[in-house]
Amino acid sequence: VSFVSIKFENANKVLFDAVYQHSLYDINFANLTLMLSKVYTLDSEDDIRHKNYTLVMSQPDSPLASYVNNHISDYLDMVLSSCDGSIVDDEVIVLSVLNNEGISDEQKGQYINALKTFVTSLSEVESESLWSSLLDKDRIVCSEENIVSYFEHVDGLDKTLIEFINRTDTELDFKKIDIENEKKTKLFRSIIVCNDLSNNKYDELICSLHRIYNTSFGIAN
């Protein structure tokens, strides 16, 4: 038995509690809203729509959290179809979604597309195949550490990284972080010969990497 919908006002409360405890209801937006409002006593419709998983996991040992985590793919489909294109989960929850092996890369991509939350550290996202999407959607904090992580991952400056750097208003200063000499030199050399960085960002990066380019420019433009 699994209830598609539950009329709480007419429901026998003992029976309702049994339905909740044993997860005898379909995973759909109406039922999740009901459980979050009546069992978790949460009443923000906005939060239920836009940070549903954060709310569910605010009681990680609950029957609801267990039910959702055991059917995470179906649950995420429900979240994506009911969030109106906007998800504001807490960062720790975002990382748990992106690092969950039970969720397909396709679903994770759709989740990133709707995401409004920033991820602080790229290296905390275990699946490197998601990194370019996070940069393309500006869902990663533009920091020196994240630029270095992505640079190492793709072994150079690709279109995604160049455009990510060009879009940011953040002033980048690589003197602030500890980078191995060899890595710093490689990054510097890649930047020196890059024509696609904006002039401002080009100057900013070259100055902050504090390196001298000894090779003559054998490159057009």
C-alpha atoms as a PDB file:
ATOM      1  CA  VAL A   1       0.000   0.000   0.000  1.00  0.00           C
ATOM      2  CA  SER A   2       1.265   3.476  -0.896  1.00  0.00           C
ATOM      3  CA  PHE A   3      -0.919   6.565  -0.708  1.00  0.00           C
ATOM      4  CA  VAL A   4      -0.741   8.953  -3.665  1.00  0.00           C
ATOM      5  CA  SER A   5      -2.329  11.684  -1.541  1.00  0.00           C
ATOM      6  CA  ILE A   6      -3.362  12.090   2.090  1.00  0.00           C
ATOM      7  CA  LYS A   7      -6.089  14.379   3.408  1.00  0.00           C
ATOM      8  CA  PHE A   8      -4.594  15.221   6.794  1.00  0.00           C
ATOM      9  CA  GLU A   9      -7.731  16.932   8.181  1.00  0.00           C
ATOM     10  CA  ASN A  10      -9.786  13.780   7.653  1.00  0.00           C
ATOM     11  CA  ALA A  11      -7.061  11.301   8.538  1.00  0.00           C
ATOM     12  CA  ASN A  12      -7.009   9.194  11.686  1.00  0.00           C
ATOM     13  CA  LYS A  13      -3.911  10.534  13.463  1.00  0.00           C
ATOM     14  CA  VAL A  14      -2.714   7.101  14.637  1.00  0.00           C
ATOM     15  CA  LEU A  15      -3.101   5.789  11.094  1.00  0.00           C
ATOM     16  CA  PHE A  16      -1.355   8.873   9.683  1.00  0.00           C
ATOM     17  CA  ASP A  17       1.562   8.293  12.045  1.00  0.00           C
ATOM     18  CA  ALA A  18       1.808   4.641  10.925  1.00  0.00           C
ATOM     19  CA  VAL A  19       1.765   5.729   7.258  1.00  0.00           C
ATOM     20  CA  TYR A  20       4.589   8.177   8.026  1.00  0.00           C
ATOM     21  CA  GLN A  21       6.682   5.784  10.134  1.00  0.00           C
ATOM     22  CA  HIS A  22       6.490   3.006   7.514  1.00  0.00           C
ATOM     23  CA  SER A  23       6.773   5.280   4.447  1.00  0.00           C
ATOM     24  CA  LEU A  24       3.465   4.137   2.971  1.00  0.00           C
ATOM     25  CA  TYR A  25       3.063   7.148   0.691  1.00  0.00           C
ATOM     26  CA  ASP A  26       4.324   8.178  -2.733  1.00  0.00           C
ATOM     27  CA  ILE A  27       7.222  10.585  -3.058  1.00  0.00           C
ATOM     28  CA  ASN A  28       5.518  13.615  -4.550  1.00  0.00           C
ATOM     29  CA  PHE A  29       5.530  17.313  -3.741  1.00  0.00           C
ATOM     30  CA  ALA A  30       2.137  17.314  -1.976  1.00  0.00           C
ATOM     31  CA  ASN A  31       3.106  14.439   0.324  1.00  0.00           C
ATOM     32  CA  LEU A  32       6.554  15.863   1.097  1.00  0.00           C
ATOM     33  CA  THR A  33       4.970  19.245   1.872  1.00  0.00           C
ATOM     34  CA  LEU A  34       2.517  17.497   4.190  1.00  0.00           C
ATOM     35  CA  MET A  35       5.227  15.604   6.067  1.00  0.00           C
ATOM     36  CA  LEU A  36       7.456  18.654   6.417  1.00  0.00           C
ATOM     37  CA  SER A  37       4.598  20.835   7.655  1.00  0.00           C
ATOM     38  CA  LYS A  38       2.828  18.341   9.955  1.00  0.00           C
ATOM     39  CA  VAL A  39       5.705  16.166  11.211  1.00  0.00           C
ATOM     40  CA  TYR A  40       8.653  18.575  11.034  1.00  0.00           C
ATOM     41  CA  THR A  41       6.314  21.533  11.803  1.00  0.00           C
ATOM     42  CA  LEU A  42       7.864  23.702   9.084  1.00  0.00           C
ATOM     43  CA  ASP A  43       5.628  26.252   7.433  1.00  0.00           C
ATOM     44  CA  SER A  44       7.746  28.183   4.919  1.00  0.00           C
ATOM     45  CA  GLU A  45       6.335  27.324   1.484  1.00  0.00           C
ATOM     46  CA  ASP A  46       9.357  28.989  -0.133  1.00  0.00           C
ATOM     47  CA  ASP A  47      11.810  26.812   1.796  1.00  0.00           C
ATOM     48  CA  ILE A  48       9.801  23.658   1.070  1.00  0.00           C
ATOM     49  CA  ARG A  49       9.914  24.454  -2.649  1.00  0.00           C
ATOM     50  CA  HIS A  50      13.482  25.729  -2.959  1.00  0.00           C
ATOM     51  CA  LYS A  51      15.497  23.984  -0.214  1.00  0.00           C
ATOM     52  CA  ASN A  52      13.524  20.796   0.258  1.00  0.00           C
ATOM     53  CA  TYR A  53      16.448  18.424   0.807  1.00  0.00           C
ATOM     54  CA  THR A  54      18.020  20.761   3.366  1.00  0.00           C
ATOM     55  CA  LEU A  55      14.752  20.652   5.335  1.00  0.00           C
ATOM     56  CA  VAL A  56      14.398  16.862   5.011  1.00  0.00           C
ATOM     57  CA  MET A  57      17.981  16.376   6.268  1.00  0.00           C
ATOM     58  CA  SER A  58      17.520  18.777   9.199  1.00  0.00           C
ATOM     59  CA  GLN A  59      16.291  15.617  10.972  1.00  0.00           C
ATOM     60  CA  PRO A  60      18.724  13.065   9.501  1.00  0.00           C
ATOM     61  CA  ASP A  61      17.496  10.133  11.607  1.00  0.00           C
ATOM     62  CA  SER A  62      13.822  10.620  10.769  1.00  0.00           C
ATOM     63  CA  PRO A  63      11.723   8.133   8.765  1.00  0.00           C
ATOM     64  CA  LEU A  64      11.329  10.849   6.106  1.00  0.00           C
ATOM     65  CA  ALA A  65      15.098  11.315   5.667  1.00  0.00           C
ATOM     66  CA  SER A  66      15.584   7.549   5.499  1.00  0.00           C
ATOM     67  CA  TYR A  67      12.778   7.130   2.938  1.00  0.00           C
ATOM     68  CA  VAL A  68      14.107   9.936   0.759  1.00  0.00           C
ATOM     69  CA  ASN A  69      17.707   8.666   0.880  1.00  0.00           C
ATOM     70  CA  ASN A  70      16.592   5.149  -0.042  1.00  0.00           C
ATOM     71  CA  HIS A  71      14.789   6.562  -3.112  1.00  0.00           C
ATOM     72  CA  ILE A  72      17.114   9.463  -3.837  1.00  0.00           C
ATOM     73  CA  SER A  73      16.792   9.391  -7.634  1.00  0.00           C
ATOM     74  CA  ASP A  74      12.952   9.520  -7.575  1.00  0.00           C
ATOM     75  CA  TYR A  75      13.112  12.157  -4.860  1.00  0.00           C
ATOM     76  CA  LEU A  76      15.494  14.358  -6.819  1.00  0.00           C
ATOM     77  CA  ASP A  77      13.259  14.114  -9.899  1.00  0.00           C
ATOM     78  CA  MET A  78      10.441  15.431  -7.696  1.00  0.00           C
ATOM     79  CA  VAL A  79      12.619  18.265  -6.344  1.00  0.00           C
ATOM     80  CA  LEU A  80      13.743  19.303  -9.837  1.00  0.00           C
ATOM     81  CA  SER A  81      10.207  19.331 -11.229  1.00  0.00           C
ATOM     82  CA  SER A  82       8.764  21.363  -8.339  1.00  0.00           C
ATOM     83  CA  CYS A  83      11.528  23.900  -7.532  1.00  0.00           C
ATOM     84  CA  ASP A  84      10.589  26.435 -10.246  1.00  0.00           C
ATOM     85  CA  GLY A  85      14.187  26.376 -11.500  1.00  0.00           C
ATOM     86  CA  SER A  86      15.662  27.584  -8.203  1.00  0.00           C
ATOM     87  CA  ILE A  87      17.387  25.513  -5.488  1.00  0.00           C
ATOM     88  CA  VAL A  88      18.974  27.176  -2.445  1.00  0.00           C
ATOM     89  CA  ASP A  89      20.091  24.155  -0.420  1.00  0.00           C
ATOM     90  CA  ASP A  90      22.779  24.687   2.232  1.00  0.00           C
ATOM     91  CA  GLU A  91      26.287  24.049   0.907  1.00  0.00           C
ATOM     92  CA  VAL A  92      26.786  20.866   2.955  1.00  0.00           C
ATOM     93  CA  ILE A  93      23.603  19.462   1.368  1.00  0.00           C
ATOM     94  CA  VAL A  94      24.692  20.564  -2.117  1.00  0.00           C
ATOM     95  CA  LEU A  95      27.944  18.630  -1.665  1.00  0.00           C
ATOM     96  CA  SER A  96      26.069  15.564  -0.418  1.00  0.00           C
ATOM     97  CA  VAL A  97      23.971  15.621  -3.627  1.00  0.00           C
ATOM     98  CA  LEU A  98      26.943  16.151  -5.947  1.00  0.00           C
ATOM     99  CA  ASN A  99      28.941  13.417  -4.185  1.00  0.00           C
ATOM    100  CA  ASN A 100      26.074  10.902  -4.014  1.00  0.00           C
ATOM    101  CA  GLU A 101      26.802   7.890  -6.240  1.00  0.00           C
ATOM    102  CA  GLY A 102      23.101   6.982  -6.293  1.00  0.00           C
ATOM    103  CA  ILE A 103      22.342  10.116  -8.313  1.00  0.00           C
ATOM    104  CA  SER A 104      23.088  10.138 -12.044  1.00  0.00           C
ATOM    105  CA  ASP A 105      25.385  12.746 -13.617  1.00  0.00           C
ATOM    106  CA  GLU A 106      22.407  13.863 -15.691  1.00  0.00           C
ATOM    107  CA  GLN A 107      20.383  14.601 -12.547  1.00  0.00           C
ATOM    108  CA  LYS A 108      23.371  16.307 -10.954  1.00  0.00           C
ATOM    109  CA  GLY A 109      23.668  18.479 -14.056  1.00  0.00           C
ATOM    110  CA  GLN A 110      20.001  19.476 -13.789  1.00  0.00           C
ATOM    111  CA  TYR A 111      20.515  20.182 -10.089  1.00  0.00           C
ATOM    112  CA  ILE A 112      23.503  22.451 -10.871  1.00  0.00           C
ATOM    113  CA  ASN A 113      21.414  24.274 -13.491  1.00  0.00           C
ATOM    114  CA  ALA A 114      18.814  25.150 -10.831  1.00  0.00           C
ATOM    115  CA  LEU A 115      21.327  25.788  -8.038  1.00  0.00           C
ATOM    116  CA  LYS A 116      21.715  29.282  -6.543  1.00  0.00           C
ATOM    117  CA  THR A 117      24.084  28.251  -3.729  1.00  0.00           C
ATOM    118  CA  PHE A 118      27.854  28.724  -4.116  1.00  0.00           C
ATOM    119  CA  VAL A 119      30.297  25.877  -3.509  1.00  0.00           C
ATOM    120  CA  THR A 120      33.374  27.177  -1.685  1.00  0.00           C
ATOM    121  CA  SER A 121      35.936  24.573  -2.672  1.00  0.00           C
ATOM    122  CA  LEU A 122      36.023  22.764  -6.022  1.00  0.00           C
ATOM    123  CA  SER A 123      38.138  19.957  -4.581  1.00  0.00           C
ATOM    124  CA  GLU A 124      35.240  18.987  -2.284  1.00  0.00           C
ATOM    125  CA  VAL A 125      33.252  17.912  -5.349  1.00  0.00           C
ATOM    126  CA  GLU A 126      34.522  14.366  -5.855  1.00  0.00           C
ATOM    127  CA  SER A 127      33.307  13.899  -9.435  1.00  0.00           C
ATOM    128  CA  GLU A 128      35.648  16.008 -11.569  1.00  0.00           C
ATOM    129  CA  SER A 129      33.277  15.550 -14.530  1.00  0.00           C
ATOM    130  CA  LEU A 130      30.974  18.078 -12.810  1.00  0.00           C
ATOM    131  CA  TRP A 131      33.638  20.754 -12.390  1.00  0.00           C
ATOM    132  CA  SER A 132      33.191  22.451 -15.763  1.00  0.00           C
ATOM    133  CA  SER A 133      29.399  22.739 -15.210  1.00  0.00           C
ATOM    134  CA  LEU A 134      29.980  24.364 -11.832  1.00  0.00           C
ATOM    135  CA  LEU A 135      32.339  26.915 -13.400  1.00  0.00           C
ATOM    136  CA  ASP A 136      30.102  27.518 -16.427  1.00  0.00           C
ATOM    137  CA  LYS A 137      27.141  28.225 -14.126  1.00  0.00           C
ATOM    138  CA  ASP A 138      29.245  30.341 -11.716  1.00  0.00           C
ATOM    139  CA  ARG A 139      28.294  28.078  -8.819  1.00  0.00           C
ATOM    140  CA  ILE A 140      31.895  27.859  -7.570  1.00  0.00           C
ATOM    141  CA  VAL A 141      33.479  30.670  -5.578  1.00  0.00           C
ATOM    142  CA  CYS A 142      36.091  32.283  -7.832  1.00  0.00           C
ATOM    143  CA  SER A 143      39.215  31.799  -5.718  1.00  0.00           C
ATOM    144  CA  GLU A 144      42.873  31.245  -6.440  1.00  0.00           C
ATOM    145  CA  GLU A 145      42.650  27.705  -5.003  1.00  0.00           C
ATOM    146  CA  ASN A 146      39.727  26.780  -7.259  1.00  0.00           C
ATOM    147  CA  ILE A 147      41.455  28.177 -10.342  1.00  0.00           C
ATOM    148  CA  VAL A 148      44.581  26.121  -9.573  1.00  0.00           C
ATOM    149  CA  SER A 149      42.502  22.962  -8.928  1.00  0.00           C
ATOM    150  CA  TYR A 150      40.667  23.314 -12.233  1.00  0.00           C
ATOM    151  CA  PHE A 151      43.858  24.263 -14.113  1.00  0.00           C
ATOM    152  CA  GLU A 152      45.495  21.041 -12.886  1.00  0.00           C
ATOM    153  CA  HIS A 153      42.402  19.003 -13.725  1.00  0.00           C
ATOM    154  CA  VAL A 154      42.294  20.064 -17.398  1.00  0.00           C
ATOM    155  CA  ASP A 155      46.084  20.567 -17.576  1.00  0.00           C
ATOM    156  CA  GLY A 156      45.851  24.098 -18.898  1.00  0.00           C
ATOM    157  CA  LEU A 157      43.578  27.052 -19.537  1.00  0.00           C
ATOM    158  CA  ASP A 158      40.468  25.881 -21.372  1.00  0.00           C
ATOM    159  CA  LYS A 159      37.504  27.979 -22.547  1.00  0.00           C
ATOM    160  CA  THR A 160      35.545  27.250 -19.355  1.00  0.00           C
ATOM    161  CA  LEU A 161      38.338  28.466 -17.059  1.00  0.00           C
ATOM    162  CA  ILE A 162      39.187  31.537 -19.159  1.00  0.00           C
ATOM    163  CA  GLU A 163      35.555  32.684 -19.269  1.00  0.00           C
ATOM    164  CA  PHE A 164      35.126  31.958 -15.562  1.00  0.00           C
ATOM    165  CA  ILE A 165      38.118  34.208 -14.766  1.00  0.00           C
ATOM    166  CA  ASN A 166      36.941  36.933 -17.165  1.00  0.00           C
ATOM    167  CA  ARG A 167      33.452  37.039 -15.592  1.00  0.00           C
ATOM    168  CA  THR A 168      34.570  37.465 -11.992  1.00  0.00           C
ATOM    169  CA  ASP A 169      34.788  40.777 -10.157  1.00  0.00           C
ATOM    170  CA  THR A 170      36.978  39.116  -7.534  1.00  0.00           C
ATOM    171  CA  GLU A 171      40.500  40.490  -7.416  1.00  0.00           C
ATOM    172  CA  LEU A 172      42.809  37.513  -7.756  1.00  0.00           C
ATOM    173  CA  ASP A 173      46.125  37.413  -5.957  1.00  0.00           C
ATOM    174  CA  PHE A 174      48.123  34.190  -6.150  1.00  0.00           C
ATOM    175  CA  LYS A 175      50.642  35.507  -3.623  1.00  0.00           C
ATOM    176  CA  LYS A 176      48.014  34.767  -0.951  1.00  0.00           C
ATOM    177  CA  ILE A 177      48.147  31.005  -1.467  1.00  0.00           C
ATOM    178  CA  ASP A 178      50.863  28.401  -1.286  1.00  0.00           C
ATOM    179  CA  ILE A 179      51.532  26.908  -4.759  1.00  0.00           C
ATOM    180  CA  GLU A 180      54.461  24.684  -5.673  1.00  0.00           C
ATOM    181  CA  ASN A 181      56.999  26.501  -7.855  1.00  0.00           C
ATOM    182  CA  GLU A 182      56.608  24.123 -10.774  1.00  0.00           C
ATOM    183  CA  LYS A 183      52.810  24.494 -10.733  1.00  0.00           C
ATOM    184  CA  LYS A 184      53.060  28.282 -10.462  1.00  0.00           C
ATOM    185  CA  THR A 185      55.461  28.447 -13.406  1.00  0.00           C
ATOM    186  CA  LYS A 186      53.189  26.248 -15.529  1.00  0.00           C
ATOM    187  CA  LEU A 187      50.187  28.457 -14.774  1.00  0.00           C
ATOM    188  CA  PHE A 188      52.208  31.607 -15.491  1.00  0.00           C
ATOM    189  CA  ARG A 189      53.388  30.273 -18.850  1.00  0.00           C
ATOM    190  CA  SER A 190      49.848  29.313 -19.846  1.00  0.00           C
ATOM    191  CA  ILE A 191      48.561  32.786 -18.948  1.00  0.00           C
ATOM    192  CA  ILE A 192      51.408  34.603 -20.745  1.00  0.00           C
ATOM    193  CA  VAL A 193      50.471  33.052 -24.112  1.00  0.00           C
ATOM    194  CA  CYS A 194      46.691  33.312 -23.624  1.00  0.00           C
ATOM    195  CA  ASN A 195      44.976  35.833 -25.903  1.00  0.00           C
ATOM    196  CA  ASP A 196      41.461  35.263 -24.565  1.00  0.00           C
ATOM    197  CA  LEU A 197      41.831  36.653 -21.047  1.00  0.00           C
ATOM    198  CA  SER A 198      40.569  40.214 -20.598  1.00  0.00           C
ATOM    199  CA  ASN A 199      43.364  42.795 -20.340  1.00  0.00           C
ATOM    200  CA  ASN A 200      42.521  43.537 -16.694  1.00  0.00           C
ATOM    201  CA  LYS A 201      42.559  39.887 -15.663  1.00  0.00           C
ATOM    202  CA  TYR A 202      45.679  39.200 -17.711  1.00  0.00           C
ATOM    203  CA  ASP A 203      47.599  41.989 -15.935  1.00  0.00           C
ATOM    204  CA  GLU A 204      46.207  40.979 -12.538  1.00  0.00           C
ATOM    205  CA  LEU A 205      47.231  37.334 -12.913  1.00  0.00           C
ATOM    206  CA  ILE A 206      50.675  38.035 -14.378  1.00  0.00           C
ATOM    207  CA  CYS A 207      51.534  40.498 -11.588  1.00  0.00           C
ATOM    208  CA  SER A 208      50.271  38.272  -8.795  1.00  0.00           C
ATOM    209  CA  LEU A 209      52.133  35.179 -10.032  1.00  0.00           C
ATOM    210  CA  HIS A 210      55.374  37.151  -9.769  1.00  0.00           C
ATOM    211  CA  ARG A 211      57.299  35.329 -12.473  1.00  0.00           C
ATOM    212  CA  ILE A 212      59.567  36.423 -15.352  1.00  0.00           C
ATOM    213  CA  TYR A 213      59.048  34.993 -18.833  1.00  0.00           C
ATOM    214  CA  ASN A 214      62.485  34.386 -20.363  1.00  0.00           C
ATOM    215  CA  THR A 215      61.355  32.927 -23.702  1.00  0.00           C
ATOM    216  CA  SER A 216      60.754  35.217 -26.669  1.00  0.00           C
ATOM    217  CA  PHE A 217      57.150  35.483 -27.892  1.00  0.00           C
ATOM    218  CA  GLY A 218      56.811  33.255 -30.935  1.00  0.00           C
ATOM    219  CA  ILE A 219      53.045  33.659 -30.968  1.00  0.00           C
ATOM    220  CA  ALA A 220      50.789  35.782 -33.143  1.00  0.00           C
ATOM    221  CA  ASN A 221      49.060  38.799 -31.494  1.00  0.00           C
END
